[in-house]
PDB file of all heavy atoms in Angstrom:
ATOM      1  N   PRO A   1     -12.599 -10.579  15.361  1.00  0.00           N
ATOM      2  CA  PRO A   1     -13.336 -11.688  15.936  1.00  0.00           C
ATOM      3  C   PRO A   1     -14.830 -11.614  15.637  1.00  0.00           C
ATOM      4  O   PRO A   1     -15.467 -10.563  15.655  1.00  0.00           O
ATOM      5  CB  PRO A   1     -13.154 -11.553  17.483  1.00  0.00           C
ATOM      6  CG  PRO A   1     -11.858 -10.767  17.554  1.00  0.00           C
ATOM      7  CD  PRO A   1     -11.841  -9.873  16.401  1.00  0.00           C
ATOM      8  N   GLY A   2     -15.370 -12.762  15.202  1.00  0.00           N
ATOM      9  CA  GLY A   2     -16.848 -12.806  14.792  1.00  0.00           C
ATOM     10  C   GLY A   2     -17.076 -12.352  13.379  1.00  0.00           C
ATOM     11  O   GLY A   2     -18.210 -12.435  12.911  1.00  0.00           O
ATOM     12  N   VAL A   3     -15.961 -11.830  12.750  1.00  0.00           N
ATOM     13  CA  VAL A   3     -16.266 -11.208  11.331  1.00  0.00           C
ATOM     14  C   VAL A   3     -15.319 -11.926  10.375  1.00  0.00           C
ATOM     15  O   VAL A   3     -15.798 -12.558   9.378  1.00  0.00           O
ATOM     16  CB  VAL A   3     -16.028  -9.735  11.290  1.00  0.00           C
ATOM     17  CG1 VAL A   3     -16.194  -9.279   9.952  1.00  0.00           C
ATOM     18  CG2 VAL A   3     -16.985  -8.972  12.301  1.00  0.00           C
ATOM     19  N   ARG A   4     -14.061 -11.784  10.574  1.00  0.00           N
ATOM     20  CA  ARG A   4     -13.066 -12.341   9.685  1.00  0.00           C
ATOM     21  C   ARG A   4     -11.629 -12.399  10.318  1.00  0.00           C
ATOM     22  O   ARG A   4     -11.360 -11.594  11.179  1.00  0.00           O
ATOM     23  CB  ARG A   4     -13.071 -11.603   8.274  1.00  0.00           C
ATOM     24  CG  ARG A   4     -12.606 -10.233   8.506  1.00  0.00           C
ATOM     25  CD  ARG A   4     -12.102  -9.559   7.193  1.00  0.00           C
ATOM     26  NE  ARG A   4     -11.715  -8.139   7.367  1.00  0.00           N
ATOM     27  CZ  ARG A   4     -10.648  -7.678   7.834  1.00  0.00           C
ATOM     28  NH1 ARG A   4      -9.664  -8.567   8.223  1.00  0.00           N
ATOM     29  NH2 ARG A   4     -10.394  -6.446   7.993  1.00  0.00           N
ATOM     30  N   PRO A   5     -10.790 -13.294   9.655  1.00  0.00           N
ATOM     31  CA  PRO A   5      -9.342 -13.193  10.103  1.00  0.00           C
ATOM     32  C   PRO A   5      -8.724 -12.036   9.279  1.00  0.00           C
ATOM     33  O   PRO A   5      -9.270 -11.516   8.423  1.00  0.00           O
ATOM     34  CB  PRO A   5      -8.938 -14.626   9.575  1.00  0.00           C
ATOM     35  CG  PRO A   5      -9.746 -14.948   8.407  1.00  0.00           C
ATOM     36  CD  PRO A   5     -11.057 -14.425   8.758  1.00  0.00           C
ATOM     37  N   SER A   6      -7.465 -11.806   9.680  1.00  0.00           N
ATOM     38  CA  SER A   6      -6.770 -10.823   8.899  1.00  0.00           C
ATOM     39  C   SER A   6      -6.691 -11.207   7.381  1.00  0.00           C
ATOM     40  O   SER A   6      -6.638 -12.370   7.067  1.00  0.00           O
ATOM     41  CB  SER A   6      -5.361 -10.580   9.445  1.00  0.00           C
ATOM     42  OG  SER A   6      -4.580 -11.873   9.341  1.00  0.00           O
ATOM     43  N   VAL A   7      -6.587 -10.215   6.526  1.00  0.00           N
ATOM     44  CA  VAL A   7      -6.618 -10.549   5.005  1.00  0.00           C
ATOM     45  C   VAL A   7      -5.079 -10.656   4.658  1.00  0.00           C
ATOM     46  O   VAL A   7      -4.700 -11.434   3.935  1.00  0.00           O
ATOM     47  CB  VAL A   7      -7.246  -9.398   4.257  1.00  0.00           C
ATOM     48  CG1 VAL A   7      -7.042  -9.656   2.794  1.00  0.00           C
ATOM     49  CG2 VAL A   7      -8.713  -9.324   4.622  1.00  0.00           C
ATOM     50  N   ILE A   8      -4.261  -9.794   5.218  1.00  0.00           N
ATOM     51  CA  ILE A   8      -2.770  -9.760   4.902  1.00  0.00           C
ATOM     52  C   ILE A   8      -2.055  -9.652   6.249  1.00  0.00           C
ATOM     53  O   ILE A   8      -2.654  -9.147   7.301  1.00  0.00           O
ATOM     54  CB  ILE A   8      -2.322  -8.668   4.051  1.00  0.00           C
ATOM     55  CG1 ILE A   8      -2.708  -7.324   4.537  1.00  0.00           C
ATOM     56  CG2 ILE A   8      -2.932  -8.853   2.616  1.00  0.00           C
ATOM     57  CD1 ILE A   8      -2.246  -6.121   3.790  1.00  0.00           C
ATOM     58  N   SER A   9      -0.849 -10.056   6.335  1.00  0.00           N
ATOM     59  CA  SER A   9      -0.016 -10.031   7.501  1.00  0.00           C
ATOM     60  C   SER A   9       0.500  -8.533   7.775  1.00  0.00           C
ATOM     61  O   SER A   9       0.521  -7.790   6.689  1.00  0.00           O
ATOM     62  CB  SER A   9       1.163 -10.930   7.320  1.00  0.00           C
ATOM     63  OG  SER A   9       2.151 -10.457   6.397  1.00  0.00           O
ATOM     64  N   GLN A  10       0.834  -8.304   8.873  1.00  0.00           N
ATOM     65  CA  GLN A  10       1.517  -7.037   9.248  1.00  0.00           C
ATOM     66  C   GLN A  10       2.719  -6.679   8.390  1.00  0.00           C
ATOM     67  O   GLN A  10       2.916  -5.677   7.912  1.00  0.00           O
ATOM     68  CB  GLN A  10       1.991  -6.942  10.767  1.00  0.00           C
ATOM     69  CG  GLN A  10       0.812  -6.748  11.652  1.00  0.00           C
ATOM     70  CD  GLN A  10       0.337  -5.258  11.693  1.00  0.00           C
ATOM     71  OE1 GLN A  10       0.758  -4.435  10.936  1.00  0.00           O
ATOM     72  NE2 GLN A  10      -0.568  -5.058  12.684  1.00  0.00           N
ATOM     73  N   GLN A  11       3.458  -7.808   8.087  1.00  0.00           N
ATOM     74  CA  GLN A  11       4.750  -7.622   7.357  1.00  0.00           C
ATOM     75  C   GLN A  11       4.371  -7.337   5.928  1.00  0.00           C
ATOM     76  O   GLN A  11       4.971  -6.412   5.304  1.00  0.00           O
ATOM     77  CB  GLN A  11       5.540  -8.905   7.402  1.00  0.00           C
ATOM     78  CG  GLN A  11       6.879  -8.859   6.743  1.00  0.00           C
ATOM     79  CD  GLN A  11       7.621 -10.161   6.879  1.00  0.00           C
ATOM     80  OE1 GLN A  11       7.368 -11.025   7.730  1.00  0.00           O
ATOM     81  NE2 GLN A  11       8.739 -10.300   6.067  1.00  0.00           N
ATOM     82  N   THR A  12       3.398  -7.999   5.404  1.00  0.00           N
ATOM     83  CA  THR A  12       2.880  -7.681   4.010  1.00  0.00           C
ATOM     84  C   THR A  12       2.422  -6.253   3.909  1.00  0.00           C
ATOM     85  O   THR A  12       2.823  -5.487   3.060  1.00  0.00           O
ATOM     86  CB  THR A  12       1.852  -8.617   3.522  1.00  0.00           C
ATOM     87  OG1 THR A  12       2.297  -9.955   3.587  1.00  0.00           O
ATOM     88  CG2 THR A  12       1.394  -8.339   2.159  1.00  0.00           C
ATOM     89  N   ALA A  13       1.629  -5.765   4.916  1.00  0.00           N
ATOM     90  CA  ALA A  13       1.189  -4.405   4.939  1.00  0.00           C
ATOM     91  C   ALA A  13       2.311  -3.406   5.006  1.00  0.00           C
ATOM     92  O   ALA A  13       2.324  -2.367   4.233  1.00  0.00           O
ATOM     93  CB  ALA A  13       0.188  -4.181   6.102  1.00  0.00           C
ATOM     94  N   VAL A  14       3.376  -3.634   5.733  1.00  0.00           N
ATOM     95  CA  VAL A  14       4.499  -2.787   5.827  1.00  0.00           C
ATOM     96  C   VAL A  14       5.193  -2.566   4.499  1.00  0.00           C
ATOM     97  O   VAL A  14       5.451  -1.551   4.005  1.00  0.00           O
ATOM     98  CB  VAL A  14       5.527  -3.118   6.869  1.00  0.00           C
ATOM     99  CG1 VAL A  14       6.854  -2.453   6.796  1.00  0.00           C
ATOM    100  CG2 VAL A  14       4.905  -3.005   8.296  1.00  0.00           C
ATOM    101  N   SER A  15       5.237  -3.681   3.789  1.00  0.00           N
ATOM    102  CA  SER A  15       5.875  -3.725   2.382  1.00  0.00           C
ATOM    103  C   SER A  15       4.989  -2.926   1.509  1.00  0.00           C
ATOM    104  O   SER A  15       5.543  -2.319   0.632  1.00  0.00           O
ATOM    105  CB  SER A  15       6.039  -5.143   1.912  1.00  0.00           C
ATOM    106  OG  SER A  15       6.951  -5.827   2.676  1.00  0.00           O
ATOM    107  N   LEU A  16       3.694  -3.052   1.637  1.00  0.00           N
ATOM    108  CA  LEU A  16       2.784  -2.436   0.668  1.00  0.00           C
ATOM    109  C   LEU A  16       2.693  -0.934   0.882  1.00  0.00           C
ATOM    110  O   LEU A  16       2.350  -0.107   0.008  1.00  0.00           O
ATOM    111  CB  LEU A  16       1.277  -2.954   0.812  1.00  0.00           C
ATOM    112  CG  LEU A  16       1.273  -4.353   0.102  1.00  0.00           C
ATOM    113  CD1 LEU A  16      -0.178  -4.975   0.560  1.00  0.00           C
ATOM    114  CD2 LEU A  16       1.373  -4.241  -1.366  1.00  0.00           C
ATOM    115  N   GLU A  17       3.095  -0.433   2.089  1.00  0.00           N
ATOM    116  CA  GLU A  17       3.099   1.039   2.357  1.00  0.00           C
ATOM    117  C   GLU A  17       3.973   1.784   1.322  1.00  0.00           C
ATOM    118  O   GLU A  17       3.598   2.827   0.918  1.00  0.00           O
ATOM    119  CB  GLU A  17       3.555   1.321   3.656  1.00  0.00           C
ATOM    120  CG  GLU A  17       2.535   0.988   4.776  1.00  0.00           C
ATOM    121  CD  GLU A  17       2.885   1.283   6.153  1.00  0.00           C
ATOM    122  OE1 GLU A  17       4.071   1.825   6.440  1.00  0.00           O
ATOM    123  OE2 GLU A  17       2.115   0.955   7.139  1.00  0.00           O
ATOM    124  N   ASP A  18       5.135   1.197   0.927  1.00  0.00           N
ATOM    125  CA  ASP A  18       5.966   1.876  -0.108  1.00  0.00           C
ATOM    126  C   ASP A  18       5.274   2.003  -1.479  1.00  0.00           C
ATOM    127  O   ASP A  18       5.427   2.966  -2.130  1.00  0.00           O
ATOM    128  CB  ASP A  18       7.245   1.076  -0.316  1.00  0.00           C
ATOM    129  CG  ASP A  18       8.198   1.264   0.838  1.00  0.00           C
ATOM    130  OD1 ASP A  18       8.096   2.201   1.625  1.00  0.00           O
ATOM    131  OD2 ASP A  18       9.117   0.369   0.931  1.00  0.00           O
ATOM    132  N   TYR A  19       4.423   0.982  -1.827  1.00  0.00           N
ATOM    133  CA  TYR A  19       3.660   1.046  -3.063  1.00  0.00           C
ATOM    134  C   TYR A  19       2.519   2.022  -2.965  1.00  0.00           C
ATOM    135  O   TYR A  19       2.223   2.676  -4.047  1.00  0.00           O
ATOM    136  CB  TYR A  19       3.269  -0.405  -3.414  1.00  0.00           C
ATOM    137  CG  TYR A  19       4.312  -1.305  -3.694  1.00  0.00           C
ATOM    138  CD1 TYR A  19       5.069  -2.017  -2.662  1.00  0.00           C
ATOM    139  CD2 TYR A  19       4.875  -1.589  -4.958  1.00  0.00           C
ATOM    140  CE1 TYR A  19       6.064  -2.835  -2.872  1.00  0.00           C
ATOM    141  CE2 TYR A  19       5.902  -2.297  -5.223  1.00  0.00           C
ATOM    142  CZ  TYR A  19       6.528  -3.035  -4.201  1.00  0.00           C
ATOM    143  OH  TYR A  19       7.690  -3.800  -4.520  1.00  0.00           O
ATOM    144  N   LEU A  20       1.876   2.027  -1.828  1.00  0.00           N
ATOM    145  CA  LEU A  20       0.798   3.104  -1.662  1.00  0.00           C
ATOM    146  C   LEU A  20       1.471   4.449  -1.788  1.00  0.00           C
ATOM    147  O   LEU A  20       0.771   5.208  -2.532  1.00  0.00           O
ATOM    148  CB  LEU A  20       0.228   2.864  -0.223  1.00  0.00           C
ATOM    149  CG  LEU A  20      -0.738   3.966   0.244  1.00  0.00           C
ATOM    150  CD1 LEU A  20      -1.903   4.067  -0.618  1.00  0.00           C
ATOM    151  CD2 LEU A  20      -1.170   3.650   1.709  1.00  0.00           C
ATOM    152  N   GLY A  21       2.454   4.690  -1.157  1.00  0.00           N
ATOM    153  CA  GLY A  21       3.221   6.045  -1.272  1.00  0.00           C
ATOM    154  C   GLY A  21       3.575   6.360  -2.686  1.00  0.00           C
ATOM    155  O   GLY A  21       3.435   7.454  -3.182  1.00  0.00           O
ATOM    156  N   PHE A  22       4.065   5.297  -3.358  1.00  0.00           N
ATOM    157  CA  PHE A  22       4.611   5.537  -4.772  1.00  0.00           C
ATOM    158  C   PHE A  22       3.346   5.789  -5.733  1.00  0.00           C
ATOM    159  O   PHE A  22       3.399   6.682  -6.541  1.00  0.00           O
ATOM    160  CB  PHE A  22       5.336   4.279  -5.140  1.00  0.00           C
ATOM    161  CG  PHE A  22       5.859   4.403  -6.582  1.00  0.00           C
ATOM    162  CD1 PHE A  22       7.006   5.181  -6.848  1.00  0.00           C
ATOM    163  CD2 PHE A  22       5.238   3.856  -7.664  1.00  0.00           C
ATOM    164  CE1 PHE A  22       7.462   5.379  -8.167  1.00  0.00           C
ATOM    165  CE2 PHE A  22       5.690   3.947  -8.968  1.00  0.00           C
ATOM    166  CZ  PHE A  22       6.874   4.699  -9.231  1.00  0.00           C
ATOM    167  N   ARG A  23       2.211   5.019  -5.424  1.00  0.00           N
ATOM    168  CA  ARG A  23       1.070   5.280  -6.214  1.00  0.00           C
ATOM    169  C   ARG A  23       0.548   6.696  -6.154  1.00  0.00           C
ATOM    170  O   ARG A  23       0.293   7.337  -7.133  1.00  0.00           O
ATOM    171  CB  ARG A  23      -0.057   4.286  -5.809  1.00  0.00           C
ATOM    172  CG  ARG A  23      -1.243   4.218  -6.651  1.00  0.00           C
ATOM    173  CD  ARG A  23      -2.415   5.037  -6.342  1.00  0.00           C
ATOM    174  NE  ARG A  23      -2.822   4.968  -5.003  1.00  0.00           N
ATOM    175  CZ  ARG A  23      -3.805   4.204  -4.486  1.00  0.00           C
ATOM    176  NH1 ARG A  23      -4.462   3.484  -5.287  1.00  0.00           N
ATOM    177  NH2 ARG A  23      -4.178   4.364  -3.212  1.00  0.00           N
ATOM    178  N   HIS A  24       0.640   7.300  -4.972  1.00  0.00           N
ATOM    179  CA  HIS A  24       0.353   8.636  -4.660  1.00  0.00           C
ATOM    180  C   HIS A  24       1.228   9.617  -5.512  1.00  0.00           C
ATOM    181  O   HIS A  24       0.733  10.549  -6.186  1.00  0.00           O
ATOM    182  CB  HIS A  24       0.415   9.029  -3.163  1.00  0.00           C
ATOM    183  CG  HIS A  24       0.091  10.402  -2.934  1.00  0.00           C
ATOM    184  ND1 HIS A  24      -1.156  10.906  -2.981  1.00  0.00           N
ATOM    185  CD2 HIS A  24       0.937  11.457  -2.681  1.00  0.00           C
ATOM    186  CE1 HIS A  24      -1.148  12.212  -2.685  1.00  0.00           C
ATOM    187  NE2 HIS A  24       0.118  12.603  -2.504  1.00  0.00           N
ATOM    188  N   ILE A  25       2.529   9.326  -5.591  1.00  0.00           N
ATOM    189  CA  ILE A  25       3.463  10.029  -6.414  1.00  0.00           C
ATOM    190  C   ILE A  25       3.150  10.003  -7.832  1.00  0.00           C
ATOM    191  O   ILE A  25       3.065  11.049  -8.595  1.00  0.00           O
ATOM    192  CB  ILE A  25       4.929   9.609  -6.145  1.00  0.00           C
ATOM    193  CG1 ILE A  25       5.372   9.966  -4.659  1.00  0.00           C
ATOM    194  CG2 ILE A  25       5.851  10.188  -7.143  1.00  0.00           C
ATOM    195  CD1 ILE A  25       6.637   9.306  -4.232  1.00  0.00           C
ATOM    196  N   VAL A  26       2.783   8.784  -8.454  1.00  0.00           N
ATOM    197  CA  VAL A  26       2.567   8.652  -9.830  1.00  0.00           C
ATOM    198  C   VAL A  26       1.351   9.418 -10.170  1.00  0.00           C
ATOM    199  O   VAL A  26       1.246  10.088 -11.274  1.00  0.00           O
ATOM    200  CB  VAL A  26       2.421   7.153 -10.106  1.00  0.00           C
ATOM    201  CG1 VAL A  26       1.867   6.906 -11.562  1.00  0.00           C
ATOM    202  CG2 VAL A  26       3.671   6.446  -9.998  1.00  0.00           C
ATOM    203  N   ARG A  27       0.327   9.458  -9.289  1.00  0.00           N
ATOM    204  CA  ARG A  27      -0.978  10.141  -9.545  1.00  0.00           C
ATOM    205  C   ARG A  27      -0.637  11.665  -9.541  1.00  0.00           C
ATOM    206  O   ARG A  27      -1.529  12.341 -10.117  1.00  0.00           O
ATOM    207  CB  ARG A  27      -1.950   9.806  -8.412  1.00  0.00           C
ATOM    208  CG  ARG A  27      -2.538   8.470  -8.648  1.00  0.00           C
ATOM    209  CD  ARG A  27      -3.670   8.186  -7.668  1.00  0.00           C
ATOM    210  NE  ARG A  27      -4.371   7.002  -7.984  1.00  0.00           N
ATOM    211  CZ  ARG A  27      -5.408   6.646  -7.240  1.00  0.00           C
ATOM    212  NH1 ARG A  27      -5.838   7.286  -6.156  1.00  0.00           N
ATOM    213  NH2 ARG A  27      -6.163   5.538  -7.727  1.00  0.00           N
ATOM    214  N   ASN A  28       0.248  12.097  -8.829  1.00  0.00           N
ATOM    215  CA  ASN A  28       0.411  13.712  -8.632  1.00  0.00           C
ATOM    216  C   ASN A  28       1.665  14.263  -9.274  1.00  0.00           C
ATOM    217  O   ASN A  28       1.807  15.449  -9.056  1.00  0.00           O
ATOM    218  CB  ASN A  28       0.515  13.838  -7.170  1.00  0.00           C
ATOM    219  CG  ASN A  28      -0.949  13.553  -6.525  1.00  0.00           C
ATOM    220  OD1 ASN A  28      -1.959  14.133  -6.707  1.00  0.00           O
ATOM    221  ND2 ASN A  28      -1.072  12.492  -5.729  1.00  0.00           N
ATOM    222  N   LEU A  29       2.406  13.357  -9.962  1.00  0.00           N
ATOM    223  CA  LEU A  29       3.585  14.028 -10.625  1.00  0.00           C
ATOM    224  C   LEU A  29       3.582  13.538 -12.139  1.00  0.00           C
ATOM    225  O   LEU A  29       2.810  12.651 -12.523  1.00  0.00           O
ATOM    226  CB  LEU A  29       4.941  13.342 -10.060  1.00  0.00           C
ATOM    227  CG  LEU A  29       5.427  13.944  -8.862  1.00  0.00           C
ATOM    228  CD1 LEU A  29       6.720  13.109  -8.478  1.00  0.00           C
ATOM    229  CD2 LEU A  29       5.792  15.418  -8.891  1.00  0.00           C
ATOM    230  N   TYR A  30       4.317  14.225 -12.956  1.00  0.00           N
ATOM    231  CA  TYR A  30       4.524  13.694 -14.307  1.00  0.00           C
ATOM    232  C   TYR A  30       5.406  12.538 -14.234  1.00  0.00           C
ATOM    233  O   TYR A  30       6.381  12.463 -13.433  1.00  0.00           O
ATOM    234  CB  TYR A  30       5.196  14.848 -15.143  1.00  0.00           C
ATOM    235  CG  TYR A  30       4.243  16.005 -15.299  1.00  0.00           C
ATOM    236  CD1 TYR A  30       4.615  17.240 -14.727  1.00  0.00           C
ATOM    237  CD2 TYR A  30       3.196  15.944 -16.117  1.00  0.00           C
ATOM    238  CE1 TYR A  30       3.774  18.329 -14.879  1.00  0.00           C
ATOM    239  CE2 TYR A  30       2.414  17.070 -16.373  1.00  0.00           C
ATOM    240  CZ  TYR A  30       2.666  18.214 -15.749  1.00  0.00           C
ATOM    241  OH  TYR A  30       1.787  19.270 -15.943  1.00  0.00           O
ATOM    242  N   THR A  31       5.189  11.601 -15.134  1.00  0.00           N
ATOM    243  CA  THR A  31       6.052  10.331 -14.982  1.00  0.00           C
ATOM    244  C   THR A  31       7.457  10.544 -15.260  1.00  0.00           C
ATOM    245  O   THR A  31       8.341   9.816 -14.692  1.00  0.00           O
ATOM    246  CB  THR A  31       5.568   9.212 -16.100  1.00  0.00           C
ATOM    247  OG1 THR A  31       5.578   9.803 -17.420  1.00  0.00           O
ATOM    248  CG2 THR A  31       4.213   8.703 -15.749  1.00  0.00           C
ATOM    249  N   TRP A  32       7.872  11.612 -15.917  1.00  0.00           N
ATOM    250  CA  TRP A  32       9.335  11.902 -16.251  1.00  0.00           C
ATOM    251  C   TRP A  32       9.980  12.377 -14.931  1.00  0.00           C
ATOM    252  O   TRP A  32      11.210  12.479 -14.832  1.00  0.00           O
ATOM    253  CB  TRP A  32       9.618  12.747 -17.342  1.00  0.00           C
ATOM    254  CG  TRP A  32       8.942  14.194 -17.279  1.00  0.00           C
ATOM    255  CD1 TRP A  32       9.451  15.265 -16.561  1.00  0.00           C
ATOM    256  CD2 TRP A  32       7.767  14.637 -17.859  1.00  0.00           C
ATOM    257  NE1 TRP A  32       8.660  16.337 -16.711  1.00  0.00           N
ATOM    258  CE2 TRP A  32       7.623  15.949 -17.550  1.00  0.00           C
ATOM    259  CE3 TRP A  32       6.884  14.019 -18.750  1.00  0.00           C
ATOM    260  CZ2 TRP A  32       6.529  16.727 -17.926  1.00  0.00           C
ATOM    261  CZ3 TRP A  32       5.725  14.813 -19.171  1.00  0.00           C
ATOM    262  CH2 TRP A  32       5.619  16.094 -18.853  1.00  0.00           C
ATOM    263  N   ASP A  33       9.204  12.684 -13.900  1.00  0.00           N
ATOM    264  CA  ASP A  33       9.801  13.038 -12.606  1.00  0.00           C
ATOM    265  C   ASP A  33       9.989  11.908 -11.634  1.00  0.00           C
ATOM    266  O   ASP A  33      10.363  12.074 -10.556  1.00  0.00           O
ATOM    267  CB  ASP A  33       8.874  14.108 -11.988  1.00  0.00           C
ATOM    268  CG  ASP A  33       8.989  15.454 -12.505  1.00  0.00           C
ATOM    269  OD1 ASP A  33      10.122  15.806 -13.097  1.00  0.00           O
ATOM    270  OD2 ASP A  33       8.011  16.264 -12.518  1.00  0.00           O
TER     271      ASP A  33
END
């Protein structure tokens, strides 16, 4: 309030959590894994 509305919905954020976790895996493993 007084600053901005939400940028993304809760549902969108929940879906994005899998991509966030996967990004971490890609950064920390070899791609063949």
